[in-house]
Amino acid sequence: MTAFTGKVVLITGGARGIGAEVARRLHARGAHLILVDVDPPPLRELAAELGGDEHVVAVPADVRDLAAMEAAVARGIERFGGIDIVVANAGIASYGSVLAVDPAAFRRVIDVNLVGCFHTVRAALPSVVERRGYVLIVSSLAAYLAMPGMAPYDAAKAGIEHFANALRLEVAHRGVDVGSAHMSWIDTPLVRESFADLPAVARGLAALPGPIRKTTSVQECAARFERGIARRARRINVPAWVGMLRWLRPLLQTRLVERSSAKTTPDWLPEVDAEVAGLGRSLSARTQALGED
């Protein structure tokens, strides 16, 4: 209990999926929570489930808006006195190849996943420095291994891994630790929506080699996050084998390895792009609706 009792944790993308399950686990271990999400109804439901205002501040906000993130942080600090831990978890994905993806969707993935991560850290970092706390940047296996049809997501997740690396160097002398999380396929609403919208994606996943095609439960992923946050880990890999890809990254970018992808991409990617064209959108319906003014 001592790792989290009385600690104040800011979690973005906190209403569903990994963020919500991490919130439940840390709340059970005595943490105070500042939950931020762009979708108010599930955010309110989770806050009520966790006991309301006594230990939880729920703030509807878009991580693309720095002023909104600063206001969310200010509310949390006013309620709990400061912030010890940040979990920059908010993220989305788009559909389609570089030739097929809606340019506005590409930009939105970068804005949410990369710029939103900066806004989250920028807003909370003064308090985290004051408390000599911990920042977890939620990246992905995609930072280690690029996948066709996922260029904006790949780019954003690789970018925030390097953001975490740079931030670690900047704040280490201030007593702040920084980690990055790298997950393979997790059974989140984001992944389920992708499979439902694009059957070719589900077929492509099934054709991947070995453990890369397997999906991990949100509960198992959050348990690994919980352990990693408690020890202020530099990296959290889910499942554990994902960590090997970091060391194999130079090999994964060779022509020899890329030839294996080249065998399936010419058939598989046009199927995905055709399904995206049929949908008439490059985002899940829920994600698209949440971004509309």
Protein backbone atom coordinates (compact mmCIF):
# COMPACT_ATOMS: atom_id res chain seq x y z
CA MET A 1 0.00 0.00 0.00
CA THR A 2 2.83 2.41 0.78
CA ALA A 3 3.72 3.01 -2.88
CA PHE A 4 0.40 4.77 -3.54
CA THR A 5 -1.25 5.67 -0.24
CA GLY A 6 -1.88 9.41 -0.27
CA LYS A 7 -0.20 9.87 -3.65
CA VAL A 8 -1.93 12.03 -6.24
CA VAL A 9 -2.07 10.53 -9.73
CA LEU A 10 -3.10 12.34 -12.92
CA ILE A 11 -4.33 9.99 -15.66
CA THR A 12 -5.35 11.18 -19.12
CA GLY A 13 -7.61 9.00 -21.23
CA GLY A 14 -8.90 7.93 -17.84
CA ALA A 15 -12.51 7.05 -18.65
CA ARG A 16 -12.03 3.76 -20.50
CA GLY A 17 -9.60 0.98 -21.25
CA ILE A 18 -6.13 1.00 -19.75
CA GLY A 19 -6.54 4.40 -18.09
CA ALA A 20 -9.72 3.39 -16.28
CA GLU A 21 -8.33 0.05 -15.11
CA VAL A 22 -5.12 1.67 -13.85
CA ALA A 23 -7.28 4.20 -12.02
CA ARG A 24 -9.23 1.40 -10.31
CA ARG A 25 -6.05 -0.36 -9.21
CA LEU A 26 -4.30 2.72 -7.86
CA HIS A 27 -7.48 3.91 -6.13
CA ALA A 28 -7.71 0.52 -4.39
CA ARG A 29 -4.16 1.10 -3.12
CA GLY A 30 -4.96 4.47 -1.57
CA ALA A 31 -4.18 6.96 -4.34
CA HIS A 32 -6.04 10.19 -5.01
CA LEU A 33 -6.93 10.51 -8.68
CA ILE A 34 -7.22 13.32 -11.19
CA LEU A 35 -8.94 11.73 -14.16
CA VAL A 36 -9.03 13.56 -17.49
CA ASP A 37 -10.93 12.43 -20.57
CA VAL A 38 -12.62 14.02 -23.55
CA ASP A 39 -15.77 11.90 -23.04
CA PRO A 40 -17.77 13.14 -20.00
CA PRO A 41 -20.39 10.39 -19.45
CA PRO A 42 -18.03 7.43 -18.85
CA LEU A 43 -15.72 9.74 -16.92
CA ARG A 44 -18.54 10.63 -14.53
CA GLU A 45 -19.52 6.95 -14.22
CA LEU A 46 -16.00 5.92 -13.28
CA ALA A 47 -15.68 8.75 -10.77
CA ALA A 48 -18.94 7.67 -9.14
CA GLU A 49 -17.79 4.05 -9.08
CA LEU A 50 -14.61 5.10 -7.26
CA GLY A 51 -16.43 7.06 -4.61
CA GLY A 52 -16.95 10.52 -5.99
CA ASP A 53 -15.14 13.69 -4.96
CA GLU A 54 -13.46 12.44 -1.80
CA HIS A 55 -10.62 10.72 -3.64
CA VAL A 56 -11.35 11.50 -7.30
CA VAL A 57 -11.44 14.69 -9.35
CA ALA A 58 -12.89 14.04 -12.83
CA VAL A 59 -12.25 16.73 -15.43
CA PRO A 60 -13.62 16.57 -18.98
CA ALA A 61 -10.85 18.05 -21.12
CA ASP A 62 -9.15 17.58 -24.47
CA VAL A 63 -5.39 17.02 -24.24
CA ARG A 64 -5.00 18.99 -27.48
CA ASP A 65 -5.95 22.12 -25.49
CA LEU A 66 -3.08 23.28 -23.27
CA ALA A 67 -5.25 25.77 -21.39
CA ALA A 68 -7.77 23.01 -20.63
CA MET A 69 -5.01 20.76 -19.32
CA GLU A 70 -3.62 23.55 -17.17
CA ALA A 71 -7.11 24.09 -15.75
CA ALA A 72 -7.50 20.35 -15.04
CA VAL A 73 -4.16 20.28 -13.24
CA ALA A 74 -5.10 23.38 -11.24
CA ARG A 75 -8.35 21.73 -10.11
CA GLY A 76 -6.51 18.65 -8.99
CA ILE A 77 -3.86 20.61 -7.12
CA GLU A 78 -6.52 22.75 -5.46
CA ARG A 79 -8.27 19.59 -4.26
CA PHE A 80 -5.29 17.41 -3.29
CA GLY A 81 -2.38 19.84 -2.88
CA GLY A 82 -0.13 18.61 -5.68
CA ILE A 83 0.64 15.85 -8.17
CA ASP A 84 3.03 12.96 -7.57
CA ILE A 85 2.49 10.77 -10.64
CA VAL A 86 1.43 11.50 -14.22
CA VAL A 87 0.19 8.80 -16.60
CA ALA A 88 0.02 10.40 -20.05
CA ASN A 89 -2.25 7.77 -21.55
CA ALA A 90 -4.68 9.55 -23.90
CA GLY A 91 -4.38 8.24 -27.44
CA ILE A 92 -6.26 7.45 -30.64
CA ALA A 93 -5.55 5.64 -33.91
CA SER A 94 -6.55 6.25 -37.51
CA TYR A 95 -7.46 3.93 -40.37
CA GLY A 96 -5.76 3.58 -43.73
CA SER A 97 -2.46 3.89 -45.56
CA VAL A 98 -0.66 7.18 -46.20
CA LEU A 99 -2.41 7.37 -49.56
CA ALA A 100 -5.85 6.62 -48.10
CA VAL A 101 -6.02 8.20 -44.65
CA ASP A 102 -7.95 11.44 -44.24
CA PRO A 103 -5.26 14.13 -43.72
CA ALA A 104 -7.37 15.63 -40.92
CA ALA A 105 -7.36 12.27 -39.14
CA PHE A 106 -3.59 11.98 -39.56
CA ARG A 107 -3.17 15.41 -37.98
CA ARG A 108 -5.55 14.56 -35.16
CA VAL A 109 -3.61 11.41 -34.23
CA ILE A 110 -0.43 13.46 -33.99
CA ASP A 111 -2.18 16.20 -32.02
CA VAL A 112 -3.75 13.83 -29.47
CA ASN A 113 -0.95 11.29 -29.09
CA LEU A 114 2.11 13.52 -29.34
CA VAL A 115 1.14 17.14 -28.74
CA GLY A 116 -1.40 16.06 -26.11
CA CYS A 117 1.34 14.21 -24.27
CA PHE A 118 3.43 17.39 -24.19
CA HIS A 119 0.45 19.42 -22.94
CA THR A 120 -0.18 16.90 -20.15
CA VAL A 121 3.42 16.91 -18.99
CA ARG A 122 3.88 20.66 -19.40
CA ALA A 123 0.82 21.40 -17.27
CA ALA A 124 1.67 18.96 -14.46
CA LEU A 125 5.46 19.00 -14.40
CA PRO A 126 6.03 21.90 -11.97
CA SER A 127 4.07 20.07 -9.27
CA VAL A 128 5.71 16.74 -10.11
CA VAL A 129 9.13 18.37 -9.79
CA GLU A 130 8.16 19.88 -6.47
CA ARG A 131 7.20 16.42 -5.19
CA ARG A 132 10.11 14.59 -6.90
CA GLY A 133 7.56 12.39 -8.62
CA TYR A 134 7.21 10.11 -11.62
CA VAL A 135 5.97 10.52 -15.20
CA LEU A 136 4.82 7.59 -17.35
CA ILE A 137 4.49 8.25 -21.08
CA VAL A 138 2.24 5.64 -22.69
CA SER A 139 3.85 4.76 -26.00
CA SER A 140 3.45 1.43 -27.81
CA LEU A 141 5.16 -1.51 -29.45
CA ALA A 142 4.70 0.72 -32.52
CA ALA A 143 7.68 2.77 -31.30
CA TYR A 144 9.84 -0.32 -31.88
CA LEU A 145 8.17 -1.92 -34.89
CA ALA A 146 6.42 -0.02 -37.69
CA MET A 147 3.25 -1.50 -39.18
CA PRO A 148 1.81 -0.65 -42.61
CA GLY A 149 -1.48 1.19 -42.45
CA MET A 150 -0.55 2.78 -39.11
CA ALA A 151 1.84 5.56 -40.15
CA PRO A 152 0.40 8.38 -37.98
CA TYR A 153 0.12 6.12 -34.93
CA ASP A 154 3.63 4.73 -35.50
CA ALA A 155 5.05 8.23 -35.88
CA ALA A 156 3.30 9.59 -32.79
CA LYS A 157 4.24 6.66 -30.55
CA ALA A 158 7.86 6.73 -31.68
CA GLY A 159 7.84 10.46 -31.05
CA ILE A 160 6.59 10.21 -27.49
CA GLU A 161 9.10 7.48 -26.69
CA HIS A 162 11.86 9.93 -27.61
CA PHE A 163 9.99 12.69 -25.77
CA ALA A 164 10.15 10.49 -22.66
CA ASN A 165 13.87 9.88 -23.20
CA ALA A 166 14.58 13.60 -23.50
CA LEU A 167 12.38 14.47 -20.53
CA ARG A 168 14.19 11.89 -18.40
CA LEU A 169 17.49 13.65 -19.07
CA GLU A 170 15.99 17.05 -18.28
CA VAL A 171 14.46 16.19 -14.91
CA ALA A 172 16.66 13.45 -13.44
CA HIS A 173 18.69 15.96 -11.41
CA ARG A 174 15.41 17.27 -9.97
CA GLY A 175 14.56 13.88 -8.50
CA VAL A 176 11.89 13.05 -11.10
CA ASP A 177 11.85 9.66 -12.83
CA VAL A 178 10.39 9.16 -16.31
CA GLY A 179 9.22 5.94 -17.92
CA SER A 180 7.63 4.87 -21.18
CA ALA A 181 5.11 2.06 -21.65
CA HIS A 182 5.10 -0.16 -24.73
CA MET A 183 2.19 -2.49 -25.36
CA SER A 184 1.26 -4.93 -28.09
CA TRP A 185 -2.44 -5.48 -28.88
CA ILE A 186 -4.54 -4.79 -25.77
CA ASP A 187 -8.26 -5.55 -25.59
CA THR A 188 -9.31 -1.90 -25.33
CA PRO A 189 -12.31 -0.15 -26.92
CA LEU A 190 -9.86 1.38 -29.43
CA VAL A 191 -8.69 -2.04 -30.63
CA ARG A 192 -12.16 -3.59 -30.61
CA GLU A 193 -13.55 -0.71 -32.67
CA SER A 194 -10.75 -1.15 -35.22
CA PHE A 195 -11.49 -4.86 -35.58
CA ALA A 196 -15.23 -4.21 -35.91
CA ASP A 197 -14.79 -1.48 -38.52
CA LEU A 198 -12.05 -3.20 -40.53
CA PRO A 199 -12.29 -6.99 -40.80
CA ALA A 200 -9.08 -6.96 -42.87
CA VAL A 201 -7.21 -5.65 -39.83
CA ALA A 202 -8.40 -8.58 -37.73
CA ARG A 203 -7.40 -10.98 -40.52
CA GLY A 204 -4.01 -9.32 -40.81
CA LEU A 205 -3.44 -9.64 -37.07
CA ALA A 206 -4.28 -13.34 -37.17
CA ALA A 207 -1.64 -13.81 -39.88
CA LEU A 208 1.17 -12.22 -37.85
CA PRO A 209 3.86 -14.52 -36.45
CA GLY A 210 3.99 -15.90 -32.92
CA PRO A 211 3.00 -13.76 -29.94
CA ILE A 212 2.60 -10.57 -32.00
CA ARG A 213 -0.88 -11.74 -33.04
CA LYS A 214 -2.13 -12.28 -29.48
CA THR A 215 -4.28 -9.76 -27.62
CA THR A 216 -3.68 -9.06 -23.92
CA SER A 217 -6.49 -8.23 -21.50
CA VAL A 218 -6.84 -4.74 -20.10
CA GLN A 219 -6.61 -6.20 -16.59
CA GLU A 220 -3.24 -7.85 -17.25
CA CYS A 221 -1.93 -4.69 -18.89
CA ALA A 222 -3.05 -2.50 -15.97
CA ALA A 223 -1.47 -4.90 -13.47
CA ARG A 224 1.87 -4.46 -15.24
CA PHE A 225 1.40 -0.70 -15.24
CA GLU A 226 0.66 -0.79 -11.51
CA ARG A 227 3.86 -2.69 -10.76
CA GLY A 228 5.92 -0.49 -13.07
CA ILE A 229 4.60 2.76 -11.62
CA ALA A 230 5.26 1.51 -8.09
CA ARG A 231 8.95 0.97 -8.91
CA ARG A 232 9.20 4.11 -11.07
CA ALA A 233 10.24 1.99 -14.04
CA ARG A 234 12.13 3.37 -17.03
CA ARG A 235 10.14 1.06 -19.30
CA ILE A 236 7.01 -1.04 -18.96
CA ASN A 237 6.55 -3.67 -21.67
CA VAL A 238 3.25 -5.52 -22.11
CA PRO A 239 3.60 -8.44 -22.58
CA ALA A 240 7.17 -8.77 -21.36
CA TRP A 241 8.46 -10.03 -24.73
CA VAL A 242 7.78 -6.59 -26.24
CA GLY A 243 10.95 -5.40 -24.51
CA MET A 244 13.03 -7.65 -26.77
CA LEU A 245 11.88 -5.67 -29.80
CA ARG A 246 13.58 -2.56 -28.42
CA TRP A 247 16.93 -4.34 -28.64
CA LEU A 248 16.07 -5.88 -32.01
CA ARG A 249 14.95 -2.58 -33.53
CA PRO A 250 17.98 -2.16 -35.84
CA LEU A 251 17.40 -5.68 -37.20
CA LEU A 252 13.67 -5.05 -37.65
CA GLN A 253 14.48 -2.14 -39.96
CA THR A 254 16.67 -4.15 -42.34
CA ARG A 255 15.63 -5.11 -45.84
CA LEU A 256 15.75 -8.79 -44.91
CA VAL A 257 13.06 -8.42 -42.25
CA GLU A 258 11.01 -5.95 -44.29
CA ARG A 259 10.75 -8.53 -47.08
CA SER A 260 8.43 -10.61 -44.89
CA SER A 261 6.00 -7.71 -44.64
CA ALA A 262 6.37 -7.07 -48.35
CA LYS A 263 4.93 -10.52 -49.04
CA THR A 264 1.55 -9.74 -47.47
CA THR A 265 1.18 -5.94 -47.65
CA PRO A 266 0.40 -5.74 -51.41
CA ASP A 267 -2.70 -7.87 -50.88
CA TRP A 268 -3.69 -6.89 -47.34
CA LEU A 269 -3.31 -3.10 -47.39
CA PRO A 270 -5.58 -2.48 -50.41
CA GLU A 271 -8.27 -4.47 -48.58
CA VAL A 272 -7.91 -2.19 -45.57
CA ASP A 273 -8.01 0.94 -47.71
CA ALA A 274 -11.12 -0.33 -49.51
CA GLU A 275 -12.83 -0.90 -46.16
CA VAL A 276 -11.82 2.60 -45.02
CA ALA A 277 -13.28 4.06 -48.22
CA GLY A 278 -16.48 2.11 -47.59
CA LEU A 279 -16.73 3.52 -44.08
CA GLY A 280 -16.23 7.06 -45.31
CA ARG A 281 -14.05 7.89 -42.29
CA SER A 282 -10.50 7.31 -41.06
CA LEU A 283 -11.39 7.15 -37.35
CA SER A 284 -13.73 5.02 -35.30
CA ALA A 285 -17.23 6.46 -35.10
CA ARG A 286 -16.80 7.17 -31.38
CA THR A 287 -13.44 8.90 -31.81
CA GLN A 288 -14.72 10.96 -34.70
CA ALA A 289 -17.79 12.09 -32.77
CA LEU A 290 -15.74 13.11 -29.74
CA GLY A 291 -13.64 15.42 -31.88
CA GLU A 292 -16.53 17.30 -33.43
CA ASP A 293 -17.31 20.77 -32.12
